[in-house]
Amino acid sequence: MAESAPILHIITPLNHVSPFDVNMAVDAGYTTIAPYSRVALSEVRDLTQDMMFSRAPQSAPRTGLFIGGKDAALALDMAAEAKASIFPPFEISIFPDPAGSFTTAAAMIAKVEQALLKTRPKGLEGIAVQVYGATGVVGSIAAVIAAQAGALVTLVSHREVAAVDEKAKDLKARFGVELATTAAVTDAEKAKLVPEAEVVLAAGKAGVEILTAAHLQAATRLLVAADVNAVPPAGIAGIGAHDAAAVLPHGIGIGALAIGNLKYAVQHTLLKQMCVTDTPLFFDLPAIFKLARELDA
């Protein structure tokens, strides 16, 4: 049988597949993209096996499954179900990245790590990290990646602490990481908390200022602050979207588009790898972060 062209199947539990992901796939080289919306976890096995059995074994690796949506836990469950559904010689390639969160979180932590390495040879190891917007899809995954790199991570809730307690419990069960939790609802509570941070990650709702200039003045141990909010106002005062090393009262700031440029490169590279591979690929968080590190080195 002649070698078959690469195909990318994109599944999402939402009403629509993300146009962002479709555009990224086309730019990576895919000319055949099949979208599937409102996909339930229970449907993933049958869909995956339809993808793998319908092609010759040599074409299986270039049969890609991209998992979208906006729920990191569900995307991880879907990826695990898909991976459990495949076996030699019909193994397809699988890439979960709901709402671009896995590649964004990896880019965020890689940027922070590179900034730390300029003055701290151990990078993230032993660094006190506070994550604001920690229950969100980017914040929670950034917390996992930072913890896996050796950081001491605290999930910060802007409401009750129970929300981050539940998130920390789930992430520990999935990844084996220990994450501290706390709540900082008022400006006064944030001002009391930030002096403990060496790294601050802001991954909250777009257009909401999480930490003010006064908070940054109080953050006397701060080395690096990173913000993924590109919608004014910034999530952290004084950090512009394009900033790669904004001077703050203490430490430096990294903006959303500086992170986003690396995120784009990571997602593009992984999609391109799936498009041309001769061996089946599975991109988990360590693999995604490894590439982000390499591209930002």
C-alpha atoms as a PDB file:
ATOM      1  CA  MET A   1       0.000   0.000   0.000  1.00  0.00           C
ATOM      2  CA  ALA A   2       1.293   3.471  -0.848  1.00  0.00           C
ATOM      3  CA  GLU A   3       2.269   5.708   2.041  1.00  0.00           C
ATOM      4  CA  SER A   4      -0.775   7.627   3.255  1.00  0.00           C
ATOM      5  CA  ALA A   5      -0.941  11.337   3.955  1.00  0.00           C
ATOM      6  CA  PRO A   6      -0.983  12.611   7.549  1.00  0.00           C
ATOM      7  CA  ILE A   7      -4.397  13.172   9.126  1.00  0.00           C
ATOM      8  CA  LEU A   8      -5.151  15.115  12.305  1.00  0.00           C
ATOM      9  CA  HIS A   9      -8.297  14.229  14.220  1.00  0.00           C
ATOM     10  CA  ILE A  10      -9.252  16.953  16.738  1.00  0.00           C
ATOM     11  CA  ILE A  11     -11.699  16.033  19.487  1.00  0.00           C
ATOM     12  CA  THR A  12     -13.307  18.325  22.055  1.00  0.00           C
ATOM     13  CA  PRO A  13     -16.076  17.968  24.656  1.00  0.00           C
ATOM     14  CA  LEU A  14     -17.200  21.504  23.722  1.00  0.00           C
ATOM     15  CA  ASN A  15     -19.700  22.563  21.070  1.00  0.00           C
ATOM     16  CA  HIS A  16     -16.948  23.599  18.667  1.00  0.00           C
ATOM     17  CA  VAL A  17     -13.362  22.641  17.917  1.00  0.00           C
ATOM     18  CA  SER A  18     -11.036  25.577  18.551  1.00  0.00           C
ATOM     19  CA  PRO A  19     -10.232  27.604  15.395  1.00  0.00           C
ATOM     20  CA  PHE A  20      -6.868  28.359  17.042  1.00  0.00           C
ATOM     21  CA  ASP A  21      -5.952  24.680  17.009  1.00  0.00           C
ATOM     22  CA  VAL A  22      -7.150  24.242  13.427  1.00  0.00           C
ATOM     23  CA  ASN A  23      -5.012  27.181  12.290  1.00  0.00           C
ATOM     24  CA  MET A  24      -2.015  25.804  14.167  1.00  0.00           C
ATOM     25  CA  ALA A  25      -2.476  22.392  12.537  1.00  0.00           C
ATOM     26  CA  VAL A  26      -2.624  23.865   9.031  1.00  0.00           C
ATOM     27  CA  ASP A  27       0.497  25.945   9.669  1.00  0.00           C
ATOM     28  CA  ALA A  28       2.266  22.801  10.891  1.00  0.00           C
ATOM     29  CA  GLY A  29       1.610  21.069   7.585  1.00  0.00           C
ATOM     30  CA  TYR A  30      -1.680  19.193   7.932  1.00  0.00           C
ATOM     31  CA  THR A  31      -3.929  19.355   4.878  1.00  0.00           C
ATOM     32  CA  THR A  32      -6.504  16.905   6.241  1.00  0.00           C
ATOM     33  CA  ILE A  33      -8.112  17.819   9.572  1.00  0.00           C
ATOM     34  CA  ALA A  34     -11.194  16.097  10.979  1.00  0.00           C
ATOM     35  CA  PRO A  35     -13.005  17.890  13.850  1.00  0.00           C
ATOM     36  CA  TYR A  36     -15.265  16.149  16.389  1.00  0.00           C
ATOM     37  CA  SER A  37     -17.304  18.209  18.864  1.00  0.00           C
ATOM     38  CA  ARG A  38     -19.267  17.274  21.997  1.00  0.00           C
ATOM     39  CA  VAL A  39     -17.172  14.128  22.465  1.00  0.00           C
ATOM     40  CA  ALA A  40     -17.760  12.258  25.716  1.00  0.00           C
ATOM     41  CA  LEU A  41     -15.016  10.370  27.539  1.00  0.00           C
ATOM     42  CA  SER A  42     -16.935   7.148  26.951  1.00  0.00           C
ATOM     43  CA  GLU A  43     -16.644   7.680  23.181  1.00  0.00           C
ATOM     44  CA  VAL A  44     -12.870   8.134  23.039  1.00  0.00           C
ATOM     45  CA  ARG A  45     -11.946   4.442  22.801  1.00  0.00           C
ATOM     46  CA  ASP A  46     -14.183   3.720  19.813  1.00  0.00           C
ATOM     47  CA  LEU A  47     -13.108   6.889  17.999  1.00  0.00           C
ATOM     48  CA  THR A  48      -9.435   6.146  18.615  1.00  0.00           C
ATOM     49  CA  GLN A  49      -9.692   2.605  17.329  1.00  0.00           C
ATOM     50  CA  ASP A  50     -11.566   3.778  14.242  1.00  0.00           C
ATOM     51  CA  MET A  51      -8.621   6.082  13.592  1.00  0.00           C
ATOM     52  CA  MET A  52      -6.009   3.365  14.016  1.00  0.00           C
ATOM     53  CA  PHE A  53      -7.593   0.340  12.319  1.00  0.00           C
ATOM     54  CA  SER A  54      -8.544   2.159   9.125  1.00  0.00           C
ATOM     55  CA  ARG A  55      -4.946   2.713   7.999  1.00  0.00           C
ATOM     56  CA  ALA A  56      -1.929   0.566   7.256  1.00  0.00           C
ATOM     57  CA  PRO A  57       0.496   0.181  10.204  1.00  0.00           C
ATOM     58  CA  GLN A  58       3.147   2.319   8.518  1.00  0.00           C
ATOM     59  CA  SER A  59       0.655   5.201   8.338  1.00  0.00           C
ATOM     60  CA  ALA A  60      -0.534   4.914  11.928  1.00  0.00           C
ATOM     61  CA  PRO A  61       2.081   7.253  13.484  1.00  0.00           C
ATOM     62  CA  ARG A  62       1.043  10.056  11.116  1.00  0.00           C
ATOM     63  CA  THR A  63      -2.571   9.573  12.170  1.00  0.00           C
ATOM     64  CA  GLY A  64      -2.712  12.211  14.881  1.00  0.00           C
ATOM     65  CA  LEU A  65      -5.219  12.682  17.695  1.00  0.00           C
ATOM     66  CA  PHE A  66      -5.304  16.170  19.201  1.00  0.00           C
ATOM     67  CA  ILE A  67      -7.387  16.592  22.367  1.00  0.00           C
ATOM     68  CA  GLY A  68      -8.815  20.049  23.043  1.00  0.00           C
ATOM     69  CA  GLY A  69     -11.528  21.539  25.231  1.00  0.00           C
ATOM     70  CA  LYS A  70     -11.075  23.715  28.304  1.00  0.00           C
ATOM     71  CA  ASP A  71     -10.888  21.110  31.056  1.00  0.00           C
ATOM     72  CA  ALA A  72      -7.393  19.853  31.856  1.00  0.00           C
ATOM     73  CA  ALA A  73      -8.569  16.904  33.942  1.00  0.00           C
ATOM     74  CA  LEU A  74     -10.952  15.706  31.242  1.00  0.00           C
ATOM     75  CA  ALA A  75      -8.298  16.118  28.524  1.00  0.00           C
ATOM     76  CA  LEU A  76      -5.869  14.054  30.599  1.00  0.00           C
ATOM     77  CA  ASP A  77      -8.513  11.369  31.083  1.00  0.00           C
ATOM     78  CA  MET A  78      -9.242  11.371  27.348  1.00  0.00           C
ATOM     79  CA  ALA A  79      -5.542  11.092  26.538  1.00  0.00           C
ATOM     80  CA  ALA A  80      -5.154   8.196  28.975  1.00  0.00           C
ATOM     81  CA  GLU A  81      -8.174   6.445  27.451  1.00  0.00           C
ATOM     82  CA  ALA A  82      -6.847   6.952  23.926  1.00  0.00           C
ATOM     83  CA  LYS A  83      -3.400   5.695  24.875  1.00  0.00           C
ATOM     84  CA  ALA A  84      -4.909   2.623  26.516  1.00  0.00           C
ATOM     85  CA  SER A  85      -6.890   1.933  23.337  1.00  0.00           C
ATOM     86  CA  ILE A  86      -3.933   1.617  20.970  1.00  0.00           C
ATOM     87  CA  PHE A  87      -1.470  -1.251  20.498  1.00  0.00           C
ATOM     88  CA  PRO A  88       1.184  -2.319  17.981  1.00  0.00           C
ATOM     89  CA  PRO A  89       1.344  -2.136  15.056  1.00  0.00           C
ATOM     90  CA  PHE A  90      -1.508   0.383  14.814  1.00  0.00           C
ATOM     91  CA  GLU A  91      -0.257   2.987  17.294  1.00  0.00           C
ATOM     92  CA  ILE A  92      -1.320   6.532  16.419  1.00  0.00           C
ATOM     93  CA  SER A  93       0.175   9.763  17.807  1.00  0.00           C
ATOM     94  CA  ILE A  94      -1.605  11.613  20.640  1.00  0.00           C
ATOM     95  CA  PHE A  95      -1.327  15.234  21.802  1.00  0.00           C
ATOM     96  CA  PRO A  96      -3.554  16.679  24.562  1.00  0.00           C
ATOM     97  CA  ASP A  97      -3.540  20.486  24.869  1.00  0.00           C
ATOM     98  CA  PRO A  98      -6.920  21.773  26.120  1.00  0.00           C
ATOM     99  CA  ALA A  99      -7.314  25.521  25.469  1.00  0.00           C
ATOM    100  CA  GLY A 100      -3.587  25.529  24.701  1.00  0.00           C
ATOM    101  CA  SER A 101      -3.038  25.218  28.445  1.00  0.00           C
ATOM    102  CA  PHE A 102      -0.363  22.518  28.456  1.00  0.00           C
ATOM    103  CA  THR A 103       1.851  24.334  25.964  1.00  0.00           C
ATOM    104  CA  THR A 104       1.137  27.714  27.617  1.00  0.00           C
ATOM    105  CA  ALA A 105       1.969  26.423  31.095  1.00  0.00           C
ATOM    106  CA  ALA A 106       5.130  24.754  29.800  1.00  0.00           C
ATOM    107  CA  ALA A 107       6.200  27.981  28.084  1.00  0.00           C
ATOM    108  CA  MET A 108       5.461  30.002  31.217  1.00  0.00           C
ATOM    109  CA  ILE A 109       7.585  27.793  33.467  1.00  0.00           C
ATOM    110  CA  ALA A 110      10.390  27.518  30.887  1.00  0.00           C
ATOM    111  CA  LYS A 111      10.561  31.332  30.678  1.00  0.00           C
ATOM    112  CA  VAL A 112      10.626  31.628  34.469  1.00  0.00           C
ATOM    113  CA  GLU A 113      13.315  28.956  34.738  1.00  0.00           C
ATOM    114  CA  GLN A 114      15.526  30.673  32.167  1.00  0.00           C
ATOM    115  CA  ALA A 115      15.198  33.972  34.048  1.00  0.00           C
ATOM    116  CA  LEU A 116      16.146  32.275  37.325  1.00  0.00           C
ATOM    117  CA  LEU A 117      19.148  30.503  35.799  1.00  0.00           C
ATOM    118  CA  LYS A 118      20.789  33.847  35.060  1.00  0.00           C
ATOM    119  CA  THR A 119      21.463  34.300  38.773  1.00  0.00           C
ATOM    120  CA  ARG A 120      20.538  30.970  40.326  1.00  0.00           C
ATOM    121  CA  PRO A 121      22.231  27.817  38.949  1.00  0.00           C
ATOM    122  CA  LYS A 122      19.635  25.523  40.516  1.00  0.00           C
ATOM    123  CA  GLY A 123      16.815  27.210  38.640  1.00  0.00           C
ATOM    124  CA  LEU A 124      13.421  26.254  40.055  1.00  0.00           C
ATOM    125  CA  GLU A 125      14.744  23.784  42.617  1.00  0.00           C
ATOM    126  CA  GLY A 126      13.627  24.856  46.099  1.00  0.00           C
ATOM    127  CA  ILE A 127      12.072  28.121  44.854  1.00  0.00           C
ATOM    128  CA  ALA A 128       8.911  29.356  46.593  1.00  0.00           C
ATOM    129  CA  VAL A 129       6.238  29.740  43.897  1.00  0.00           C
ATOM    130  CA  GLN A 130       2.782  31.235  44.366  1.00  0.00           C
ATOM    131  CA  VAL A 131       0.182  30.538  41.673  1.00  0.00           C
ATOM    132  CA  TYR A 132      -2.744  32.951  41.355  1.00  0.00           C
ATOM    133  CA  GLY A 133      -5.623  31.692  39.227  1.00  0.00           C
ATOM    134  CA  ALA A 134      -4.572  28.263  40.423  1.00  0.00           C
ATOM    135  CA  THR A 135      -7.870  26.495  39.785  1.00  0.00           C
ATOM    136  CA  GLY A 136      -7.826  27.503  36.116  1.00  0.00           C
ATOM    137  CA  VAL A 137      -6.610  25.329  33.292  1.00  0.00           C
ATOM    138  CA  VAL A 138      -3.241  27.126  32.844  1.00  0.00           C
ATOM    139  CA  GLY A 139      -2.543  27.876  36.498  1.00  0.00           C
ATOM    140  CA  SER A 140      -3.051  24.335  37.716  1.00  0.00           C
ATOM    141  CA  ILE A 141      -0.846  22.798  35.012  1.00  0.00           C
ATOM    142  CA  ALA A 142       1.851  25.443  35.542  1.00  0.00           C
ATOM    143  CA  ALA A 143       1.800  24.496  39.219  1.00  0.00           C
ATOM    144  CA  VAL A 144       2.358  20.840  38.332  1.00  0.00           C
ATOM    145  CA  ILE A 145       5.251  21.556  35.973  1.00  0.00           C
ATOM    146  CA  ALA A 146       6.923  23.874  38.487  1.00  0.00           C
ATOM    147  CA  ALA A 147       6.551  21.298  41.257  1.00  0.00           C
ATOM    148  CA  GLN A 148       7.960  18.554  39.030  1.00  0.00           C
ATOM    149  CA  ALA A 149      10.961  20.831  38.428  1.00  0.00           C
ATOM    150  CA  GLY A 150      11.582  21.035  42.172  1.00  0.00           C
ATOM    151  CA  ALA A 151       9.744  24.219  43.160  1.00  0.00           C
ATOM    152  CA  LEU A 152       7.799  24.600  46.395  1.00  0.00           C
ATOM    153  CA  VAL A 153       4.389  25.562  45.011  1.00  0.00           C
ATOM    154  CA  THR A 154       1.427  27.187  46.722  1.00  0.00           C
ATOM    155  CA  LEU A 155      -1.961  27.362  45.023  1.00  0.00           C
ATOM    156  CA  VAL A 156      -3.670  30.642  45.916  1.00  0.00           C
ATOM    157  CA  SER A 157      -7.451  30.939  45.852  1.00  0.00           C
ATOM    158  CA  HIS A 158      -9.198  34.289  45.362  1.00  0.00           C
ATOM    159  CA  ARG A 159     -12.236  32.820  47.097  1.00  0.00           C
ATOM    160  CA  GLU A 160     -12.361  30.069  49.718  1.00  0.00           C
ATOM    161  CA  VAL A 161      -9.414  27.750  50.288  1.00  0.00           C
ATOM    162  CA  ALA A 162     -11.592  24.679  49.647  1.00  0.00           C
ATOM    163  CA  ALA A 163     -11.385  25.294  45.888  1.00  0.00           C
ATOM    164  CA  VAL A 164      -7.593  24.960  45.789  1.00  0.00           C
ATOM    165  CA  ASP A 165      -7.618  22.165  48.361  1.00  0.00           C
ATOM    166  CA  GLU A 166      -9.703  20.080  45.962  1.00  0.00           C
ATOM    167  CA  LYS A 167      -7.456  21.019  43.039  1.00  0.00           C
ATOM    168  CA  ALA A 168      -4.294  20.105  44.984  1.00  0.00           C
ATOM    169  CA  LYS A 169      -5.803  16.750  45.931  1.00  0.00           C
ATOM    170  CA  ASP A 170      -6.629  15.943  42.295  1.00  0.00           C
ATOM    171  CA  LEU A 171      -3.197  17.016  41.033  1.00  0.00           C
ATOM    172  CA  LYS A 172      -1.444  14.945  43.680  1.00  0.00           C
ATOM    173  CA  ALA A 173      -3.469  11.886  42.652  1.00  0.00           C
ATOM    174  CA  ARG A 174      -2.654  12.435  38.969  1.00  0.00           C
ATOM    175  CA  PHE A 175       0.973  13.558  39.167  1.00  0.00           C
ATOM    176  CA  GLY A 176       2.244  12.756  42.655  1.00  0.00           C
ATOM    177  CA  VAL A 177       3.100  16.398  43.376  1.00  0.00           C
ATOM    178  CA  GLU A 178       2.728  18.037  46.789  1.00  0.00           C
ATOM    179  CA  LEU A 179       1.121  21.474  46.517  1.00  0.00           C
ATOM    180  CA  ALA A 180       0.439  23.828  49.411  1.00  0.00           C
ATOM    181  CA  THR A 181      -2.815  25.804  49.422  1.00  0.00           C
ATOM    182  CA  THR A 182      -4.042  29.099  50.801  1.00  0.00           C
ATOM    183  CA  ALA A 183      -6.575  31.839  50.131  1.00  0.00           C
ATOM    184  CA  ALA A 184      -5.966  35.548  49.552  1.00  0.00           C
ATOM    185  CA  VAL A 185      -9.251  37.305  48.880  1.00  0.00           C
ATOM    186  CA  THR A 186      -8.527  40.883  49.903  1.00  0.00           C
ATOM    187  CA  ASP A 187      -5.672  43.215  49.009  1.00  0.00           C
ATOM    188  CA  ALA A 188      -4.538  43.054  52.622  1.00  0.00           C
ATOM    189  CA  GLU A 189      -4.363  39.257  52.517  1.00  0.00           C
ATOM    190  CA  LYS A 190      -2.359  39.363  49.295  1.00  0.00           C
ATOM    191  CA  ALA A 191       0.012  41.937  50.803  1.00  0.00           C
ATOM    192  CA  LYS A 192       0.605  39.581  53.708  1.00  0.00           C
ATOM    193  CA  LEU A 193       1.183  36.589  51.418  1.00  0.00           C
ATOM    194  CA  VAL A 194       3.429  37.924  48.635  1.00  0.00           C
ATOM    195  CA  PRO A 195       6.512  38.616  50.814  1.00  0.00           C
ATOM    196  CA  GLU A 196       6.920  34.813  51.011  1.00  0.00           C
ATOM    197  CA  ALA A 197       7.134  34.402  47.211  1.00  0.00           C
ATOM    198  CA  GLU A 198      10.280  34.163  45.106  1.00  0.00           C
ATOM    199  CA  VAL A 199       8.236  33.494  41.957  1.00  0.00           C
ATOM    200  CA  VAL A 200       4.685  34.630  41.258  1.00  0.00           C
ATOM    201  CA  LEU A 201       2.572  33.171  38.451  1.00  0.00           C
ATOM    202  CA  ALA A 202      -0.617  34.979  37.430  1.00  0.00           C
ATOM    203  CA  ALA A 203      -3.049  32.875  35.410  1.00  0.00           C
ATOM    204  CA  GLY A 204      -6.330  34.436  36.417  1.00  0.00           C
ATOM    205  CA  LYS A 205      -9.275  35.777  34.464  1.00  0.00           C
ATOM    206  CA  ALA A 206      -8.376  38.020  31.513  1.00  0.00           C
ATOM    207  CA  GLY A 207      -8.518  41.745  32.183  1.00  0.00           C
ATOM    208  CA  VAL A 208      -8.337  41.415  35.976  1.00  0.00           C
ATOM    209  CA  GLU A 209      -5.427  42.882  37.955  1.00  0.00           C
ATOM    210  CA  ILE A 210      -4.492  40.297  40.569  1.00  0.00           C
ATOM    211  CA  LEU A 211      -1.420  41.943  42.085  1.00  0.00           C
ATOM    212  CA  THR A 212      -1.094  45.714  42.303  1.00  0.00           C
ATOM    213  CA  ALA A 213       1.981  47.937  42.447  1.00  0.00           C
ATOM    214  CA  ALA A 214       1.612  47.987  46.236  1.00  0.00           C
ATOM    215  CA  HIS A 215       1.702  44.194  46.336  1.00  0.00           C
ATOM    216  CA  LEU A 216       4.905  44.171  44.306  1.00  0.00           C
ATOM    217  CA  GLN A 217       6.498  46.655  46.694  1.00  0.00           C
ATOM    218  CA  ALA A 218       5.723  44.235  49.513  1.00  0.00           C
ATOM    219  CA  ALA A 219       7.157  41.236  47.618  1.00  0.00           C
ATOM    220  CA  THR A 220      10.707  41.781  48.859  1.00  0.00           C
ATOM    221  CA  ARG A 221      11.932  38.247  48.016  1.00  0.00           C
ATOM    222  CA  LEU A 222      10.505  38.260  44.498  1.00  0.00           C
ATOM    223  CA  LEU A 223      12.857  37.175  41.706  1.00  0.00           C
ATOM    224  CA  VAL A 224      10.469  36.586  38.790  1.00  0.00           C
ATOM    225  CA  ALA A 225       6.804  37.314  38.124  1.00  0.00           C
ATOM    226  CA  ALA A 226       5.010  35.913  35.050  1.00  0.00           C
ATOM    227  CA  ASP A 227       1.575  36.837  33.725  1.00  0.00           C
ATOM    228  CA  VAL A 228      -0.375  35.076  30.941  1.00  0.00           C
ATOM    229  CA  ASN A 229      -3.112  37.719  30.717  1.00  0.00           C
ATOM    230  CA  ALA A 230      -2.799  39.669  27.452  1.00  0.00           C
ATOM    231  CA  VAL A 231      -6.009  41.683  27.989  1.00  0.00           C
ATOM    232  CA  PRO A 232      -5.539  45.059  29.746  1.00  0.00           C
ATOM    233  CA  PRO A 233      -5.176  45.580  32.606  1.00  0.00           C
ATOM    234  CA  ALA A 234      -2.349  43.142  33.179  1.00  0.00           C
ATOM    235  CA  GLY A 235      -2.749  40.489  35.832  1.00  0.00           C
ATOM    236  CA  ILE A 236       0.369  41.847  37.528  1.00  0.00           C
ATOM    237  CA  ALA A 237       0.896  45.613  37.617  1.00  0.00           C
ATOM    238  CA  GLY A 238       3.888  46.880  35.677  1.00  0.00           C
ATOM    239  CA  ILE A 239       4.221  43.923  33.306  1.00  0.00           C
ATOM    240  CA  GLY A 240       3.465  44.666  29.657  1.00  0.00           C
ATOM    241  CA  ALA A 241       2.337  41.888  27.339  1.00  0.00           C
ATOM    242  CA  HIS A 242       5.578  42.017  25.337  1.00  0.00           C
ATOM    243  CA  ASP A 243       7.907  42.274  28.345  1.00  0.00           C
ATOM    244  CA  ALA A 244      10.588  39.620  28.632  1.00  0.00           C
ATOM    245  CA  ALA A 245      12.328  41.139  31.669  1.00  0.00           C
ATOM    246  CA  ALA A 246      10.362  44.138  32.962  1.00  0.00           C
ATOM    247  CA  VAL A 247      12.018  45.835  35.920  1.00  0.00           C
ATOM    248  CA  LEU A 248       9.771  45.523  38.985  1.00  0.00           C
ATOM    249  CA  PRO A 249      10.301  46.918  42.501  1.00  0.00           C
ATOM    250  CA  HIS A 250      11.778  43.502  43.263  1.00  0.00           C
ATOM    251  CA  GLY A 251      12.787  41.089  40.505  1.00  0.00           C
ATOM    252  CA  ILE A 252      11.677  41.063  36.879  1.00  0.00           C
ATOM    253  CA  GLY A 253       8.395  40.474  35.035  1.00  0.00           C
ATOM    254  CA  ILE A 254       7.541  38.317  32.014  1.00  0.00           C
ATOM    255  CA  GLY A 255       4.476  39.221  29.947  1.00  0.00           C
ATOM    256  CA  ALA A 256       1.792  37.239  28.149  1.00  0.00           C
ATOM    257  CA  LEU A 257       3.053  37.643  24.590  1.00  0.00           C
ATOM    258  CA  ALA A 258       6.635  36.806  25.549  1.00  0.00           C
ATOM    259  CA  ILE A 259       5.225  33.562  26.969  1.00  0.00           C
ATOM    260  CA  GLY A 260       2.825  33.209  24.053  1.00  0.00           C
ATOM    261  CA  ASN A 261       5.577  33.334  21.440  1.00  0.00           C
ATOM    262  CA  LEU A 262       7.257  30.347  23.061  1.00  0.00           C
ATOM    263  CA  LYS A 263       3.901  28.582  23.496  1.00  0.00           C
ATOM    264  CA  TYR A 264       3.233  29.009  19.772  1.00  0.00           C
ATOM    265  CA  ALA A 265       6.638  27.557  18.901  1.00  0.00           C
ATOM    266  CA  VAL A 266       6.088  24.571  21.180  1.00  0.00           C
ATOM    267  CA  GLN A 267       2.643  23.715  19.811  1.00  0.00           C
ATOM    268  CA  HIS A 268       3.784  24.239  16.214  1.00  0.00           C
ATOM    269  CA  THR A 269       6.818  21.988  16.684  1.00  0.00           C
ATOM    270  CA  LEU A 270       4.835  19.177  18.311  1.00  0.00           C
ATOM    271  CA  LEU A 271       2.139  19.244  15.633  1.00  0.00           C
ATOM    272  CA  LYS A 272       4.822  19.232  12.935  1.00  0.00           C
ATOM    273  CA  GLN A 273       6.539  16.275  14.564  1.00  0.00           C
ATOM    274  CA  MET A 274       3.269  14.321  14.482  1.00  0.00           C
ATOM    275  CA  CYS A 275       2.743  15.275  10.838  1.00  0.00           C
ATOM    276  CA  VAL A 276       6.037  13.745   9.658  1.00  0.00           C
ATOM    277  CA  THR A 277       6.869  11.040  12.206  1.00  0.00           C
ATOM    278  CA  ASP A 278       7.563   7.409  11.392  1.00  0.00           C
ATOM    279  CA  THR A 279       7.133   6.320  15.020  1.00  0.00           C
ATOM    280  CA  PRO A 280       4.081   6.881  17.256  1.00  0.00           C
ATOM    281  CA  LEU A 281       4.316   9.905  19.558  1.00  0.00           C
ATOM    282  CA  PHE A 282       2.602  10.663  22.862  1.00  0.00           C
ATOM    283  CA  PHE A 283       3.093  14.143  24.270  1.00  0.00           C
ATOM    284  CA  ASP A 284       2.613  14.214  28.035  1.00  0.00           C
ATOM    285  CA  LEU A 285       3.507  17.171  30.284  1.00  0.00           C
ATOM    286  CA  PRO A 286       7.182  16.197  30.729  1.00  0.00           C
ATOM    287  CA  ALA A 287       7.607  15.914  26.947  1.00  0.00           C
ATOM    288  CA  ILE A 288       5.917  19.259  26.334  1.00  0.00           C
ATOM    289  CA  PHE A 289       7.998  20.992  29.022  1.00  0.00           C
ATOM    290  CA  LYS A 290      11.187  19.384  27.743  1.00  0.00           C
ATOM    291  CA  LEU A 291      10.619  20.942  24.333  1.00  0.00           C
ATOM    292  CA  ALA A 292       9.758  24.338  25.853  1.00  0.00           C
ATOM    293  CA  ARG A 293      13.045  24.248  27.747  1.00  0.00           C
ATOM    294  CA  GLU A 294      14.980  23.340  24.605  1.00  0.00           C
ATOM    295  CA  LEU A 295      13.372  26.041  22.491  1.00  0.00           C
ATOM    296  CA  ASP A 296      14.008  28.717  25.125  1.00  0.00           C
ATOM    297  CA  ALA A 297      17.550  27.676  26.049  1.00  0.00           C
END
